[in-house]
């Protein structure tokens, strides 16, 4: 494969840069929404359903960040 240098004046380069920026914005929005949901008492399953992913996926993606801000999480009770 012969890689070409990206021409910053090429409109395709702008399109690709826009995609990268949108992904970063989407990640920030998701982080904020997940944090708000947890603060409101939502469980991982509810958040996952709202995002259209599995509980395990949302937990894996957000748990470390949430733990780093000392957000108290609702724990499942064994009944």
PDB file of N, CA and C in Angstrom:
ATOM      1  N   UNK A   1       0.842  -1.166   0.000  1.00  0.00           N
ATOM      2  CA  UNK A   1       0.000   0.000   0.000  1.00  0.00           C
ATOM      3  C   UNK A   1       0.894   1.239   0.000  1.00  0.00           C
ATOM      4  N   UNK A   2       0.528   2.226  -0.778  1.00  0.00           N
ATOM      5  CA  UNK A   2       1.325   3.429  -0.913  1.00  0.00           C
ATOM      6  C   UNK A   2       0.586   4.603  -0.255  1.00  0.00           C
ATOM      7  N   UNK A   3       0.921   4.902   1.014  1.00  0.00           N
ATOM      8  CA  UNK A   3       0.193   5.982   1.683  1.00  0.00           C
ATOM      9  C   UNK A   3       0.531   7.339   1.075  1.00  0.00           C
ATOM     10  N   UNK A   4      -0.500   8.177   0.941  1.00  0.00           N
ATOM     11  CA  UNK A   4      -0.316   9.539   0.447  1.00  0.00           C
ATOM     12  C   UNK A   4      -0.422  10.491   1.624  1.00  0.00           C
ATOM     13  N   UNK A   5       0.303  11.575   1.509  1.00  0.00           N
ATOM     14  CA  UNK A   5       0.160  12.622   2.517  1.00  0.00           C
ATOM     15  C   UNK A   5      -1.212  13.271   2.318  1.00  0.00           C
ATOM     16  N   UNK A   6      -1.839  13.624   3.403  1.00  0.00           N
ATOM     17  CA  UNK A   6      -3.158  14.253   3.321  1.00  0.00           C
ATOM     18  C   UNK A   6      -2.978  15.728   2.981  1.00  0.00           C
ATOM     19  N   UNK A   7      -3.680  16.141   1.960  1.00  0.00           N
ATOM     20  CA  UNK A   7      -3.686  17.549   1.560  1.00  0.00           C
ATOM     21  C   UNK A   7      -4.735  18.259   2.408  1.00  0.00           C
ATOM     22  N   UNK A   8      -4.340  19.187   3.278  1.00  0.00           N
ATOM     23  CA  UNK A   8      -5.312  19.840   4.153  1.00  0.00           C
ATOM     24  C   UNK A   8      -6.358  20.657   3.397  1.00  0.00           C
ATOM     25  N   UNK A   9      -6.114  20.945   2.129  1.00  0.00           N
ATOM     26  CA  UNK A   9      -7.091  21.688   1.325  1.00  0.00           C
ATOM     27  C   UNK A   9      -8.084  20.769   0.615  1.00  0.00           C
ATOM     28  N   UNK A  10      -7.884  19.477   0.729  1.00  0.00           N
ATOM     29  CA  UNK A  10      -8.776  18.508   0.098  1.00  0.00           C
ATOM     30  C   UNK A  10     -10.071  18.432   0.904  1.00  0.00           C
ATOM     31  N   UNK A  11     -11.231  18.599   0.270  1.00  0.00           N
ATOM     32  CA  UNK A  11     -12.504  18.546   1.007  1.00  0.00           C
ATOM     33  C   UNK A  11     -12.734  17.217   1.719  1.00  0.00           C
ATOM     34  N   UNK A  12     -12.154  16.153   1.209  1.00  0.00           N
ATOM     35  CA  UNK A  12     -12.304  14.857   1.883  1.00  0.00           C
ATOM     36  C   UNK A  12     -11.606  14.894   3.236  1.00  0.00           C
ATOM     37  N   UNK A  13     -10.478  15.578   3.315  1.00  0.00           N
ATOM     38  CA  UNK A  13      -9.783  15.719   4.599  1.00  0.00           C
ATOM     39  C   UNK A  13     -10.688  16.447   5.589  1.00  0.00           C
ATOM     40  N   UNK A  14     -11.420  17.457   5.121  1.00  0.00           N
ATOM     41  CA  UNK A  14     -12.372  18.162   5.986  1.00  0.00           C
ATOM     42  C   UNK A  14     -13.480  17.236   6.455  1.00  0.00           C
ATOM     43  N   UNK A  15     -13.986  16.412   5.551  1.00  0.00           N
ATOM     44  CA  UNK A  15     -15.043  15.456   5.904  1.00  0.00           C
ATOM     45  C   UNK A  15     -14.575  14.504   6.995  1.00  0.00           C
ATOM     46  N   UNK A  16     -13.364  13.992   6.815  1.00  0.00           N
ATOM     47  CA  UNK A  16     -12.836  13.040   7.791  1.00  0.00           C
ATOM     48  C   UNK A  16     -12.564  13.712   9.133  1.00  0.00           C
ATOM     49  N   UNK A  17     -12.061  14.931   9.107  1.00  0.00           N
ATOM     50  CA  UNK A  17     -11.837  15.674  10.344  1.00  0.00           C
ATOM     51  C   UNK A  17     -13.162  15.932  11.056  1.00  0.00           C
ATOM     52  N   UNK A  18     -14.203  16.192  10.292  1.00  0.00           N
ATOM     53  CA  UNK A  18     -15.528  16.409  10.882  1.00  0.00           C
ATOM     54  C   UNK A  18     -16.035  15.144  11.562  1.00  0.00           C
ATOM     55  N   UNK A  19     -15.798  14.002  10.948  1.00  0.00           N
ATOM     56  CA  UNK A  19     -16.198  12.728  11.556  1.00  0.00           C
ATOM     57  C   UNK A  19     -15.486  12.534  12.893  1.00  0.00           C
ATOM     58  N   UNK A  20     -14.197  12.805  12.927  1.00  0.00           N
ATOM     59  CA  UNK A  20     -13.423  12.672  14.173  1.00  0.00           C
ATOM     60  C   UNK A  20     -13.980  13.611  15.239  1.00  0.00           C
ATOM     61  N   UNK A  21     -14.276  14.847  14.865  1.00  0.00           N
ATOM     62  CA  UNK A  21     -14.812  15.820  15.818  1.00  0.00           C
ATOM     63  C   UNK A  21     -16.188  15.383  16.328  1.00  0.00           C
ATOM     64  N   UNK A  22     -17.024  14.866  15.448  1.00  0.00           N
ATOM     65  CA  UNK A  22     -18.350  14.404  15.861  1.00  0.00           C
ATOM     66  C   UNK A  22     -18.265  13.211  16.802  1.00  0.00           C
ATOM     67  N   UNK A  23     -17.329  12.299  16.538  1.00  0.00           N
ATOM     68  CA  UNK A  23     -17.143  11.161  17.447  1.00  0.00           C
ATOM     69  C   UNK A  23     -16.735  11.642  18.839  1.00  0.00           C
ATOM     70  N   UNK A  24     -15.824  12.600  18.893  1.00  0.00           N
ATOM     71  CA  UNK A  24     -15.382  13.132  20.186  1.00  0.00           C
ATOM     72  C   UNK A  24     -16.550  13.804  20.902  1.00  0.00           C
ATOM     73  N   UNK A  25     -17.354  14.567  20.172  1.00  0.00           N
ATOM     74  CA  UNK A  25     -18.510  15.224  20.777  1.00  0.00           C
ATOM     75  C   UNK A  25     -19.525  14.201  21.271  1.00  0.00           C
ATOM     76  N   UNK A  26     -19.766  13.170  20.466  1.00  0.00           N
ATOM     77  CA  UNK A  26     -20.703  12.119  20.872  1.00  0.00           C
ATOM     78  C   UNK A  26     -20.218  11.428  22.147  1.00  0.00           C
ATOM     79  N   UNK A  27     -18.925  11.173  22.248  1.00  0.00           N
ATOM     80  CA  UNK A  27     -18.376  10.561  23.462  1.00  0.00           C
ATOM     81  C   UNK A  27     -18.579  11.466  24.674  1.00  0.00           C
ATOM     82  N   UNK A  28     -18.353  12.762  24.509  1.00  0.00           N
ATOM     83  CA  UNK A  28     -18.558  13.711  25.608  1.00  0.00           C
ATOM     84  C   UNK A  28     -20.022  13.760  26.025  1.00  0.00           C
ATOM     85  N   UNK A  29     -20.923  13.775  25.052  1.00  0.00           N
ATOM     86  CA  UNK A  29     -22.352  13.789  25.358  1.00  0.00           C
ATOM     87  C   UNK A  29     -22.773  12.518  26.083  1.00  0.00           C
ATOM     88  N   UNK A  30     -22.244  11.378  25.635  1.00  0.00           N
ATOM     89  CA  UNK A  30     -22.567  10.110  26.286  1.00  0.00           C
ATOM     90  C   UNK A  30     -22.054  10.094  27.719  1.00  0.00           C
ATOM     91  N   UNK A  31     -20.808  10.528  27.922  1.00  0.00           N
ATOM     92  CA  UNK A  31     -20.251  10.575  29.282  1.00  0.00           C
ATOM     93  C   UNK A  31     -21.135  11.415  30.191  1.00  0.00           C
ATOM     94  N   UNK A  32     -21.540  12.573  29.710  1.00  0.00           N
ATOM     95  CA  UNK A  32     -22.364  13.482  30.506  1.00  0.00           C
ATOM     96  C   UNK A  32     -23.733  12.868  30.803  1.00  0.00           C
ATOM     97  N   UNK A  33     -24.348  12.268  29.791  1.00  0.00           N
ATOM     98  CA  UNK A  33     -25.674  11.672  29.976  1.00  0.00           C
ATOM     99  C   UNK A  33     -25.621  10.493  30.942  1.00  0.00           C
ATOM    100  N   UNK A  34     -24.581   9.678  30.840  1.00  0.00           N
ATOM    101  CA  UNK A  34     -24.445   8.530  31.746  1.00  0.00           C
ATOM    102  C   UNK A  34     -24.255   9.031  33.181  1.00  0.00           C
ATOM    103  N   UNK A  35     -23.417  10.028  33.355  1.00  0.00           N
ATOM    104  CA  UNK A  35     -23.202  10.570  34.693  1.00  0.00           C
ATOM    105  C   UNK A  35     -24.504  11.140  35.271  1.00  0.00           C
ATOM    106  N   UNK A  36     -25.247  11.883  34.468  1.00  0.00           N
ATOM    107  CA  UNK A  36     -26.525  12.441  34.947  1.00  0.00           C
ATOM    108  C   UNK A  36     -27.507  11.336  35.311  1.00  0.00           C
ATOM    109  N   UNK A  37     -27.547  10.303  34.492  1.00  0.00           N
ATOM    110  CA  UNK A  37     -28.453   9.191  34.764  1.00  0.00           C
ATOM    111  C   UNK A  37     -28.088   8.497  36.070  1.00  0.00           C
ATOM    112  N   UNK A  38     -26.805   8.260  36.288  1.00  0.00           N
ATOM    113  CA  UNK A  38     -26.371   7.617  37.529  1.00  0.00           C
ATOM    114  C   UNK A  38     -26.698   8.490  38.741  1.00  0.00           C
ATOM    115  N   UNK A  39     -26.459   9.792  38.612  1.00  0.00           N
ATOM    116  CA  UNK A  39     -26.785  10.711  39.717  1.00  0.00           C
ATOM    117  C   UNK A  39     -28.290  10.727  40.008  1.00  0.00           C
ATOM    118  N   UNK A  40     -29.095  10.471  38.976  1.00  0.00           N
ATOM    119  CA  UNK A  40     -30.550  10.445  39.134  1.00  0.00           C
ATOM    120  C   UNK A  40     -31.058   9.093  39.634  1.00  0.00           C
ATOM    121  N   UNK A  41     -30.132   8.153  39.848  1.00  0.00           N
ATOM    122  CA  UNK A  41     -30.517   6.862  40.398  1.00  0.00           C
ATOM    123  C   UNK A  41     -30.778   5.771  39.379  1.00  0.00           C
ATOM    124  N   UNK A  42     -30.491   6.028  38.129  1.00  0.00           N
ATOM    125  CA  UNK A  42     -30.666   4.995  37.113  1.00  0.00           C
ATOM    126  C   UNK A  42     -29.632   3.898  37.319  1.00  0.00           C
ATOM    127  N   UNK A  43     -30.012   2.687  36.983  1.00  0.00           N
ATOM    128  CA  UNK A  43     -29.093   1.560  37.027  1.00  0.00           C
ATOM    129  C   UNK A  43     -28.414   1.375  35.683  1.00  0.00           C
ATOM    130  N   UNK A  44     -27.354   0.555  35.687  1.00  0.00           N
ATOM    131  CA  UNK A  44     -26.609   0.290  34.461  1.00  0.00           C
ATOM    132  C   UNK A  44     -27.513  -0.295  33.380  1.00  0.00           C
ATOM    133  N   UNK A  45     -28.444  -1.159  33.769  1.00  0.00           N
ATOM    134  CA  UNK A  45     -29.353  -1.767  32.798  1.00  0.00           C
ATOM    135  C   UNK A  45     -30.248  -0.747  32.121  1.00  0.00           C
ATOM    136  N   UNK A  46     -30.766   0.191  32.893  1.00  0.00           N
ATOM    137  CA  UNK A  46     -31.609   1.245  32.320  1.00  0.00           C
ATOM    138  C   UNK A  46     -30.809   2.128  31.358  1.00  0.00           C
ATOM    139  N   UNK A  47     -29.598   2.477  31.773  1.00  0.00           N
ATOM    140  CA  UNK A  47     -28.744   3.308  30.922  1.00  0.00           C
ATOM    141  C   UNK A  47     -28.423   2.561  29.640  1.00  0.00           C
ATOM    142  N   UNK A  48     -28.076   1.293  29.757  1.00  0.00           N
ATOM    143  CA  UNK A  48     -27.753   0.484  28.582  1.00  0.00           C
ATOM    144  C   UNK A  48     -28.934   0.425  27.623  1.00  0.00           C
ATOM    145  N   UNK A  49     -30.122   0.235  28.161  1.00  0.00           N
ATOM    146  CA  UNK A  49     -31.313   0.188  27.318  1.00  0.00           C
ATOM    147  C   UNK A  49     -31.501   1.517  26.583  1.00  0.00           C
ATOM    148  N   UNK A  50     -31.298   2.618  27.292  1.00  0.00           N
ATOM    149  CA  UNK A  50     -31.420   3.933  26.674  1.00  0.00           C
ATOM    150  C   UNK A  50     -30.396   4.175  25.581  1.00  0.00           C
ATOM    151  N   UNK A  51     -29.220   3.592  25.732  1.00  0.00           N
ATOM    152  CA  UNK A  51     -28.160   3.760  24.733  1.00  0.00           C
ATOM    153  C   UNK A  51     -28.210   2.698  23.634  1.00  0.00           C
ATOM    154  N   UNK A  52     -29.029   1.685  23.831  1.00  0.00           N
ATOM    155  CA  UNK A  52     -29.117   0.625  22.827  1.00  0.00           C
ATOM    156  C   UNK A  52     -27.934  -0.318  22.830  1.00  0.00           C
ATOM    157  N   UNK A  53     -27.348  -0.516  24.020  1.00  0.00           N
ATOM    158  CA  UNK A  53     -26.207  -1.427  24.159  1.00  0.00           C
ATOM    159  C   UNK A  53     -26.478  -2.354  25.337  1.00  0.00           C
ATOM    160  N   UNK A  54     -25.564  -3.290  25.586  1.00  0.00           N
ATOM    161  CA  UNK A  54     -25.733  -4.181  26.726  1.00  0.00           C
ATOM    162  C   UNK A  54     -25.289  -3.489  28.017  1.00  0.00           C
ATOM    163  N   UNK A  55     -25.789  -3.992  29.118  1.00  0.00           N
ATOM    164  CA  UNK A  55     -25.390  -3.468  30.423  1.00  0.00           C
ATOM    165  C   UNK A  55     -23.885  -3.626  30.614  1.00  0.00           C
ATOM    166  N   UNK A  56     -23.372  -4.767  30.179  1.00  0.00           N
ATOM    167  CA  UNK A  56     -21.939  -5.010  30.319  1.00  0.00           C
ATOM    168  C   UNK A  56     -21.126  -3.993  29.520  1.00  0.00           C
ATOM    169  N   UNK A  57     -21.582  -3.634  28.336  1.00  0.00           N
ATOM    170  CA  UNK A  57     -20.850  -2.685  27.488  1.00  0.00           C
ATOM    171  C   UNK A  57     -20.807  -1.304  28.127  1.00  0.00           C
ATOM    172  N   UNK A  58     -21.948  -0.834  28.622  1.00  0.00           N
ATOM    173  CA  UNK A  58     -21.971   0.508  29.214  1.00  0.00           C
ATOM    174  C   UNK A  58     -21.185   0.523  30.525  1.00  0.00           C
ATOM    175  N   UNK A  59     -21.267  -0.538  31.283  1.00  0.00           N
ATOM    176  CA  UNK A  59     -20.543  -0.647  32.544  1.00  0.00           C
ATOM    177  C   UNK A  59     -19.037  -0.622  32.280  1.00  0.00           C
ATOM    178  N   UNK A  60     -18.600  -1.420  31.308  1.00  0.00           N
ATOM    179  CA  UNK A  60     -17.171  -1.493  30.975  1.00  0.00           C
ATOM    180  C   UNK A  60     -16.649  -0.143  30.486  1.00  0.00           C
ATOM    181  N   UNK A  61     -17.442   0.547  29.675  1.00  0.00           N
ATOM    182  CA  UNK A  61     -17.000   1.808  29.089  1.00  0.00           C
ATOM    183  C   UNK A  61     -16.946   2.933  30.114  1.00  0.00           C
ATOM    184  N   UNK A  62     -17.860   2.945  31.087  1.00  0.00           N
ATOM    185  CA  UNK A  62     -18.002   4.119  31.944  1.00  0.00           C
ATOM    186  C   UNK A  62     -17.608   3.924  33.411  1.00  0.00           C
ATOM    187  N   UNK A  63     -17.492   2.709  33.886  1.00  0.00           N
ATOM    188  CA  UNK A  63     -17.269   2.487  35.315  1.00  0.00           C
ATOM    189  C   UNK A  63     -16.006   3.160  35.833  1.00  0.00           C
ATOM    190  N   UNK A  64     -14.900   2.997  35.136  1.00  0.00           N
ATOM    191  CA  UNK A  64     -13.642   3.562  35.641  1.00  0.00           C
ATOM    192  C   UNK A  64     -13.722   5.084  35.734  1.00  0.00           C
ATOM    193  N   UNK A  65     -14.281   5.730  34.716  1.00  0.00           N
ATOM    194  CA  UNK A  65     -14.400   7.189  34.732  1.00  0.00           C
ATOM    195  C   UNK A  65     -15.327   7.636  35.857  1.00  0.00           C
ATOM    196  N   UNK A  66     -16.444   6.945  36.012  1.00  0.00           N
ATOM    197  CA  UNK A  66     -17.410   7.296  37.053  1.00  0.00           C
ATOM    198  C   UNK A  66     -16.786   7.106  38.435  1.00  0.00           C
ATOM    199  N   UNK A  67     -16.038   6.030  38.603  1.00  0.00           N
ATOM    200  CA  UNK A  67     -15.384   5.781  39.888  1.00  0.00           C
ATOM    201  C   UNK A  67     -14.348   6.858  40.190  1.00  0.00           C
ATOM    202  N   UNK A  68     -13.708   7.393  39.162  1.00  0.00           N
ATOM    203  CA  UNK A  68     -12.669   8.403  39.376  1.00  0.00           C
ATOM    204  C   UNK A  68     -13.229   9.743  39.840  1.00  0.00           C
ATOM    205  N   UNK A  69     -14.525   9.962  39.657  1.00  0.00           N
ATOM    206  CA  UNK A  69     -15.134  11.220  40.127  1.00  0.00           C
ATOM    207  C   UNK A  69     -15.900  11.005  41.428  1.00  0.00           C
ATOM    208  N   UNK A  70     -15.694   9.844  42.042  1.00  0.00           N
ATOM    209  CA  UNK A  70     -16.318   9.509  43.329  1.00  0.00           C
ATOM    210  C   UNK A  70     -17.831   9.645  43.320  1.00  0.00           C
ATOM    211  N   UNK A  71     -18.446   9.229  42.236  1.00  0.00           N
ATOM    212  CA  UNK A  71     -19.896   9.219  42.153  1.00  0.00           C
ATOM    213  C   UNK A  71     -20.406   7.991  42.884  1.00  0.00           C
ATOM    214  N   UNK A  72     -21.283   8.198  43.837  1.00  0.00           N
ATOM    215  CA  UNK A  72     -21.826   7.064  44.583  1.00  0.00           C
ATOM    216  C   UNK A  72     -22.831   6.346  43.706  1.00  0.00           C
ATOM    217  N   UNK A  73     -22.611   5.061  43.502  1.00  0.00           N
ATOM    218  CA  UNK A  73     -23.461   4.284  42.620  1.00  0.00           C
ATOM    219  C   UNK A  73     -24.485   3.508  43.411  1.00  0.00           C
ATOM    220  N   UNK A  74     -25.657   3.367  42.807  1.00  0.00           N
ATOM    221  CA  UNK A  74     -26.706   2.547  43.394  1.00  0.00           C
ATOM    222  C   UNK A  74     -26.297   1.089  43.231  1.00  0.00           C
ATOM    223  N   UNK A  75     -26.340   0.348  44.282  1.00  0.00           N
ATOM    224  CA  UNK A  75     -25.971  -1.064  44.233  1.00  0.00           C
ATOM    225  C   UNK A  75     -27.216  -1.918  44.144  1.00  0.00           C
ATOM    226  N   UNK A  76     -27.080  -3.029  43.419  1.00  0.00           N
ATOM    227  CA  UNK A  76     -28.197  -3.996  43.362  1.00  0.00           C
ATOM    228  C   UNK A  76     -28.331  -4.664  44.702  1.00  0.00           C
ATOM    229  N   UNK A  77     -29.567  -4.801  45.123  1.00  0.00           N
ATOM    230  CA  UNK A  77     -29.818  -5.504  46.383  1.00  0.00           C
ATOM    231  C   UNK A  77     -30.173  -6.949  46.083  1.00  0.00           C
ATOM    232  N   UNK A  78     -29.581  -7.870  46.814  1.00  0.00           N
ATOM    233  CA  UNK A  78     -29.945  -9.272  46.688  1.00  0.00           C
ATOM    234  C   UNK A  78     -31.191  -9.490  47.522  1.00  0.00           C
ATOM    235  N   UNK A  79     -32.222  -9.963  46.855  1.00  0.00           N
ATOM    236  CA  UNK A  79     -33.494 -10.155  47.567  1.00  0.00           C
ATOM    237  C   UNK A  79     -33.697 -11.605  47.860  1.00  0.00           C
TER     238      UNK A  79
END
